[in-house]
Amino acid sequence: MPNIDTATFKEALSLFDFLGYGFVLRALFTGIFVGTACAVLGVFLVLRRYALIGHGLTHVAFGGVAVGLLLGGQPFWSALIITIISSVGILKLQERVKIHADVAIGVVSAVGMATGILIASAARGFNVDLMSYLFGSILTIGKEEFWASLMISVVIVVFIIIFYHKLFAMTFDGETAMVMGINVGRFNYFFAVVTGLLVVVGMRLVGLLLVSALIILPAVTSLQVSKSFRWSLVIAALTAIVSVFFGIFFSYHLDLPTGGTIVMINFILFLAAYLTKWIVSEESNRRRQKGL
């Protein structure tokens, strides 16, 4: 019996042997940092009904990647520059043309996607490289992208921590925040630019087609079960970390696409949170009815 237990224990430990590979650790740390930043930002975006900006900017980033591949440069940096410019453009368009945010997002994202499609069709040679950005390839992330992703994610989280109270105020009551002297317009630009940054660093994690889920799913999961705004940020971050770890774990052992696996685990956690909330609510109603 002891031998069986020892063998079982060793077999269980062997499941985590993949953590001994440098490329896996690099992918894991990238995923944890980027996922945490996306999740924390996502809570603010969801509550402000601005979550679709992430989805819109993925189309812009697609065009940026295509431009980078066409010019023979680094698609990461071309996508980063173009996406940041476009995120500012969305707000400018909203202000100057006097249209709603969702319309501005739709216009800019359509132009970005059209640009990417036209370039891809004109230069068929790099279609394979383009696919890796569409579907994600975190296990092949390079050192340059690794450090850039880490630094961007850390700066964003630190900024949110420093300006937490101001961001909290404008998230729930923009007019009161303005009365308090908070420059709401400036922080709106912050949200737009930061979302653009995270879309680009997240495209290597889960791919451009799924990166908006990395922003939205942990946020809506945390909002199902959290009792306070502060805890919603913590739970969203933990949801992202768990999703990234087990996404890479199952992807490695079952030979599944990493990006899709991470997002599916995110979705499973969302369903679990929703069902937990529903069960607790039903039980509370049942007890209340008995009391009556």
Protein backbone atom coordinates (compact mmCIF):
# COMPACT_ATOMS: atom_id res chain seq x y z
CA MET A 1 0.00 0.00 0.00
CA PRO A 2 2.73 2.56 0.82
CA ASN A 3 4.34 1.83 -2.54
CA ILE A 4 1.05 2.44 -4.33
CA ASP A 5 0.54 5.70 -2.45
CA THR A 6 4.08 6.82 -3.26
CA ALA A 7 3.65 5.92 -6.91
CA THR A 8 0.35 7.75 -7.07
CA PHE A 9 1.89 10.80 -5.43
CA LYS A 10 4.81 10.80 -7.87
CA GLU A 11 2.41 10.40 -10.79
CA ALA A 12 0.39 13.36 -9.54
CA LEU A 13 3.54 15.46 -9.22
CA SER A 14 4.58 14.50 -12.74
CA LEU A 15 1.52 16.37 -14.04
CA PHE A 16 3.31 19.57 -13.06
CA ASP A 17 6.59 18.69 -14.76
CA PHE A 18 5.64 21.09 -17.54
CA LEU A 19 6.44 23.95 -15.16
CA GLY A 20 10.10 23.01 -15.52
CA TYR A 21 10.19 24.30 -19.09
CA GLY A 22 11.27 27.90 -19.56
CA PHE A 23 8.80 28.64 -22.35
CA VAL A 24 5.92 27.37 -20.19
CA LEU A 25 6.93 29.52 -17.22
CA ARG A 26 7.27 32.52 -19.51
CA ALA A 27 3.78 31.87 -20.86
CA LEU A 28 2.38 31.36 -17.36
CA PHE A 29 3.81 34.59 -15.94
CA THR A 30 2.71 36.53 -19.01
CA GLY A 31 -0.78 35.11 -18.72
CA ILE A 32 -1.06 35.84 -15.00
CA PHE A 33 0.11 39.44 -15.30
CA VAL A 34 -1.86 40.27 -18.45
CA GLY A 35 -4.92 38.36 -17.26
CA THR A 36 -4.93 40.19 -13.92
CA ALA A 37 -4.66 43.58 -15.60
CA CYS A 38 -7.45 42.70 -18.06
CA ALA A 39 -9.70 41.43 -15.27
CA VAL A 40 -9.26 44.47 -13.03
CA LEU A 41 -9.79 46.88 -15.91
CA GLY A 42 -12.76 44.81 -17.06
CA VAL A 43 -14.66 45.47 -13.84
CA PHE A 44 -14.54 49.22 -14.50
CA LEU A 45 -15.45 48.81 -18.18
CA VAL A 46 -18.39 46.47 -17.50
CA LEU A 47 -19.86 48.73 -14.81
CA ARG A 48 -19.48 51.76 -17.09
CA ARG A 49 -21.17 49.84 -19.95
CA TYR A 50 -18.04 50.31 -22.02
CA ALA A 51 -17.03 46.67 -22.32
CA LEU A 52 -17.45 46.51 -26.11
CA ILE A 53 -14.48 48.80 -26.66
CA GLY A 54 -12.24 45.78 -26.10
CA HIS A 55 -14.00 43.84 -28.83
CA GLY A 56 -13.85 46.80 -31.20
CA LEU A 57 -10.15 47.38 -30.64
CA THR A 58 -9.36 43.74 -31.46
CA HIS A 59 -10.44 44.51 -35.04
CA VAL A 60 -8.13 47.51 -35.08
CA ALA A 61 -5.26 45.43 -33.69
CA PHE A 62 -5.87 42.93 -36.51
CA GLY A 63 -5.23 45.71 -39.00
CA GLY A 64 -2.14 46.77 -37.03
CA VAL A 65 -0.73 43.24 -37.13
CA ALA A 66 -1.31 43.06 -40.88
CA VAL A 67 0.51 46.38 -41.37
CA GLY A 68 3.46 45.15 -39.30
CA LEU A 69 3.73 41.91 -41.27
CA LEU A 70 3.48 43.78 -44.57
CA LEU A 71 6.30 46.17 -43.60
CA GLY A 72 8.45 43.29 -42.35
CA GLY A 73 8.67 44.72 -38.84
CA GLN A 74 7.39 43.57 -35.47
CA PRO A 75 3.57 43.13 -35.64
CA PHE A 76 3.39 43.57 -31.85
CA TRP A 77 4.67 47.15 -31.98
CA SER A 78 2.74 48.18 -35.10
CA ALA A 79 -0.47 46.82 -33.55
CA LEU A 80 0.33 48.62 -30.29
CA ILE A 81 0.81 52.01 -31.96
CA ILE A 82 -2.20 51.74 -34.28
CA THR A 83 -4.50 50.46 -31.52
CA ILE A 84 -3.55 53.27 -29.13
CA ILE A 85 -4.14 55.89 -31.85
CA SER A 86 -7.49 54.28 -32.66
CA SER A 87 -8.57 54.15 -29.01
CA VAL A 88 -8.04 57.91 -28.81
CA GLY A 89 -9.79 58.25 -32.17
CA ILE A 90 -12.90 56.56 -30.78
CA LEU A 91 -13.24 59.19 -28.07
CA LYS A 92 -12.44 62.04 -30.46
CA LEU A 93 -15.06 60.76 -32.89
CA GLN A 94 -17.56 60.50 -30.07
CA GLU A 95 -16.86 64.08 -28.97
CA ARG A 96 -16.56 65.80 -32.36
CA VAL A 97 -19.32 64.04 -34.31
CA LYS A 98 -21.60 63.75 -31.27
CA ILE A 99 -22.35 60.04 -31.61
CA HIS A 100 -22.76 57.34 -29.00
CA ALA A 101 -19.76 55.31 -27.86
CA ASP A 102 -20.99 52.06 -29.43
CA VAL A 103 -21.35 53.78 -32.82
CA ALA A 104 -17.84 55.27 -32.62
CA ILE A 105 -16.45 51.86 -31.64
CA GLY A 106 -18.27 50.26 -34.57
CA VAL A 107 -16.91 52.77 -37.10
CA VAL A 108 -13.29 52.51 -35.99
CA SER A 109 -13.36 48.72 -35.59
CA ALA A 110 -14.89 48.27 -39.06
CA VAL A 111 -12.13 50.37 -40.65
CA GLY A 112 -9.47 48.43 -38.74
CA MET A 113 -10.85 45.05 -39.78
CA ALA A 114 -11.25 46.16 -43.40
CA THR A 115 -7.63 47.34 -43.44
CA GLY A 116 -6.43 43.99 -42.14
CA ILE A 117 -8.50 42.02 -44.66
CA LEU A 118 -7.31 44.11 -47.61
CA ILE A 119 -3.65 43.81 -46.63
CA ALA A 120 -3.97 40.08 -45.94
CA SER A 121 -5.56 39.46 -49.34
CA ALA A 122 -2.91 41.55 -51.11
CA ALA A 123 0.00 39.78 -49.41
CA ARG A 124 -0.93 36.13 -49.07
CA GLY A 125 2.55 35.11 -47.96
CA PHE A 126 2.10 36.01 -44.29
CA ASN A 127 -1.39 34.56 -43.76
CA VAL A 128 0.06 31.80 -41.57
CA ASP A 129 1.73 34.36 -39.28
CA LEU A 130 -1.53 36.32 -39.15
CA MET A 131 -3.38 33.23 -37.92
CA SER A 132 -1.10 32.97 -34.87
CA TYR A 133 -2.22 36.44 -33.80
CA LEU A 134 -5.88 35.70 -34.47
CA PHE A 135 -5.92 32.54 -32.37
CA GLY A 136 -3.08 33.22 -29.92
CA SER A 137 0.22 31.47 -29.36
CA ILE A 138 1.30 32.23 -25.80
CA LEU A 139 3.64 29.23 -25.57
CA THR A 140 5.79 30.73 -28.32
CA ILE A 141 5.95 34.26 -26.90
CA GLY A 142 9.40 35.83 -27.21
CA LYS A 143 11.43 37.54 -24.50
CA GLU A 144 10.81 41.02 -25.92
CA GLU A 145 7.03 40.53 -25.91
CA PHE A 146 7.26 38.88 -22.49
CA TRP A 147 8.94 41.86 -20.82
CA ALA A 148 6.79 44.39 -22.68
CA SER A 149 3.62 42.58 -21.57
CA LEU A 150 4.78 42.38 -17.96
CA MET A 151 5.76 46.04 -17.75
CA ILE A 152 2.54 47.26 -19.37
CA SER A 153 0.41 45.08 -17.08
CA VAL A 154 2.23 46.14 -13.91
CA VAL A 155 2.03 49.85 -14.81
CA ILE A 156 -1.72 49.57 -15.47
CA VAL A 157 -2.46 47.77 -12.19
CA VAL A 158 -0.31 50.21 -10.18
CA PHE A 159 -2.06 53.16 -11.84
CA ILE A 160 -5.47 51.71 -10.94
CA ILE A 161 -4.36 51.21 -7.33
CA ILE A 162 -3.04 54.78 -7.05
CA PHE A 163 -6.15 56.38 -8.57
CA TYR A 164 -8.60 53.82 -7.16
CA HIS A 165 -10.86 56.31 -5.35
CA LYS A 166 -11.13 58.64 -8.36
CA LEU A 167 -11.82 55.75 -10.73
CA PHE A 168 -14.40 54.39 -8.28
CA ALA A 169 -16.17 57.75 -8.08
CA MET A 170 -16.42 58.27 -11.84
CA THR A 171 -17.47 54.67 -12.43
CA PHE A 172 -20.60 54.98 -10.32
CA ASP A 173 -21.43 58.68 -10.65
CA GLY A 174 -19.63 60.70 -13.31
CA GLU A 175 -21.44 63.95 -12.50
CA THR A 176 -20.54 63.80 -8.82
CA ALA A 177 -16.95 62.98 -9.80
CA MET A 178 -16.82 66.14 -11.92
CA VAL A 179 -18.20 68.20 -9.02
CA MET A 180 -15.42 66.72 -6.87
CA GLY A 181 -12.90 68.14 -9.33
CA ILE A 182 -12.01 64.86 -11.02
CA ASN A 183 -11.05 65.26 -14.67
CA VAL A 184 -13.46 62.64 -16.03
CA GLY A 185 -12.49 63.31 -19.64
CA ARG A 186 -8.83 62.57 -18.95
CA PHE A 187 -9.69 59.31 -17.22
CA ASN A 188 -11.94 58.34 -20.13
CA TYR A 189 -8.87 58.59 -22.35
CA PHE A 190 -6.98 56.51 -19.81
CA PHE A 191 -9.57 53.72 -20.03
CA ALA A 192 -9.54 53.80 -23.83
CA VAL A 193 -5.74 53.77 -24.18
CA VAL A 194 -5.23 51.13 -21.49
CA THR A 195 -7.84 48.89 -23.11
CA GLY A 196 -5.96 49.23 -26.38
CA LEU A 197 -2.70 48.29 -24.67
CA LEU A 198 -4.24 45.20 -23.07
CA VAL A 199 -5.86 44.09 -26.31
CA VAL A 200 -2.45 44.03 -27.97
CA VAL A 201 -0.59 42.29 -25.13
CA GLY A 202 -3.52 39.90 -24.74
CA MET A 203 -3.55 38.88 -28.40
CA ARG A 204 -0.58 36.57 -27.81
CA LEU A 205 -2.33 35.08 -24.81
CA VAL A 206 -5.69 34.04 -26.26
CA GLY A 207 -5.70 35.58 -29.74
CA LEU A 208 -7.45 38.63 -31.13
CA LEU A 209 -10.69 36.69 -31.60
CA LEU A 210 -10.96 35.95 -27.88
CA VAL A 211 -9.05 38.72 -26.09
CA SER A 212 -12.22 40.70 -25.29
CA ALA A 213 -13.41 37.67 -23.30
CA LEU A 214 -10.31 38.02 -21.13
CA ILE A 215 -11.52 41.51 -20.21
CA ILE A 216 -15.23 40.75 -19.78
CA LEU A 217 -15.57 37.22 -18.33
CA PRO A 218 -13.52 37.59 -15.10
CA ALA A 219 -15.31 40.89 -14.45
CA VAL A 220 -18.84 39.53 -14.84
CA THR A 221 -17.85 36.44 -12.85
CA SER A 222 -16.71 38.52 -9.90
CA LEU A 223 -19.80 40.73 -10.05
CA GLN A 224 -21.99 37.65 -9.57
CA VAL A 225 -20.59 36.82 -6.14
CA SER A 226 -18.78 39.85 -4.72
CA LYS A 227 -20.32 41.90 -1.92
CA SER A 228 -18.30 45.06 -2.55
CA PHE A 229 -16.53 46.82 -5.39
CA ARG A 230 -13.10 46.23 -3.87
CA TRP A 231 -13.78 42.50 -3.56
CA SER A 232 -15.04 42.38 -7.13
CA LEU A 233 -11.58 43.51 -8.28
CA VAL A 234 -9.88 40.85 -6.15
CA ILE A 235 -12.19 38.05 -7.31
CA ALA A 236 -11.83 39.12 -10.95
CA ALA A 237 -8.04 38.95 -10.64
CA LEU A 238 -8.18 35.52 -8.96
CA THR A 239 -10.55 34.28 -11.67
CA ALA A 240 -8.08 35.35 -14.34
CA ILE A 241 -5.14 33.71 -12.55
CA VAL A 242 -6.98 30.40 -12.10
CA SER A 243 -8.14 30.45 -15.72
CA VAL A 244 -4.66 31.09 -17.07
CA PHE A 245 -2.99 28.42 -14.93
CA PHE A 246 -5.48 25.65 -15.67
CA GLY A 247 -5.83 26.81 -19.26
CA ILE A 248 -2.13 26.26 -19.83
CA PHE A 249 -2.24 23.06 -17.73
CA PHE A 250 -4.99 21.40 -19.78
CA SER A 251 -3.66 22.83 -23.02
CA TYR A 252 -0.27 21.22 -22.39
CA HIS A 253 -1.55 17.81 -21.28
CA LEU A 254 -4.50 17.45 -23.67
CA ASP A 255 -2.91 19.20 -26.66
CA LEU A 256 -5.64 21.84 -26.83
CA PRO A 257 -5.42 25.42 -28.15
CA THR A 258 -4.20 27.49 -25.20
CA GLY A 259 -6.28 30.60 -25.87
CA GLY A 260 -9.54 28.76 -26.32
CA THR A 261 -8.90 26.63 -23.23
CA ILE A 262 -8.25 29.70 -21.06
CA VAL A 263 -11.46 31.36 -22.23
CA MET A 264 -13.54 28.19 -21.73
CA ILE A 265 -12.30 27.85 -18.15
CA ASN A 266 -13.20 31.50 -17.65
CA PHE A 267 -16.69 30.72 -18.93
CA ILE A 268 -17.02 27.65 -16.67
CA LEU A 269 -16.08 29.79 -13.66
CA PHE A 270 -18.68 32.34 -14.73
CA LEU A 271 -21.35 29.63 -14.91
CA ALA A 272 -20.31 28.32 -11.49
CA ALA A 273 -20.53 31.83 -10.01
CA TYR A 274 -23.92 32.45 -11.61
CA LEU A 275 -25.33 29.12 -10.40
CA THR A 276 -23.97 29.76 -6.90
CA LYS A 277 -25.66 33.16 -6.85
CA TRP A 278 -28.91 31.65 -8.14
CA ILE A 279 -28.90 28.81 -5.57
CA VAL A 280 -28.17 31.19 -2.70
CA SER A 281 -30.90 33.55 -3.90
CA GLU A 282 -33.45 30.73 -4.20
CA GLU A 283 -32.56 29.42 -0.76
CA SER A 284 -32.88 32.90 0.70
CA ASN A 285 -36.31 33.37 -0.91
CA ARG A 286 -37.44 29.96 0.34
CA ARG A 287 -36.44 30.79 3.91
CA ARG A 288 -38.11 34.18 3.67
CA GLN A 289 -41.35 32.58 2.50
CA LYS A 290 -41.22 30.07 5.36
CA GLY A 291 -40.74 32.92 7.80
CA LEU A 292 -43.85 34.59 6.46
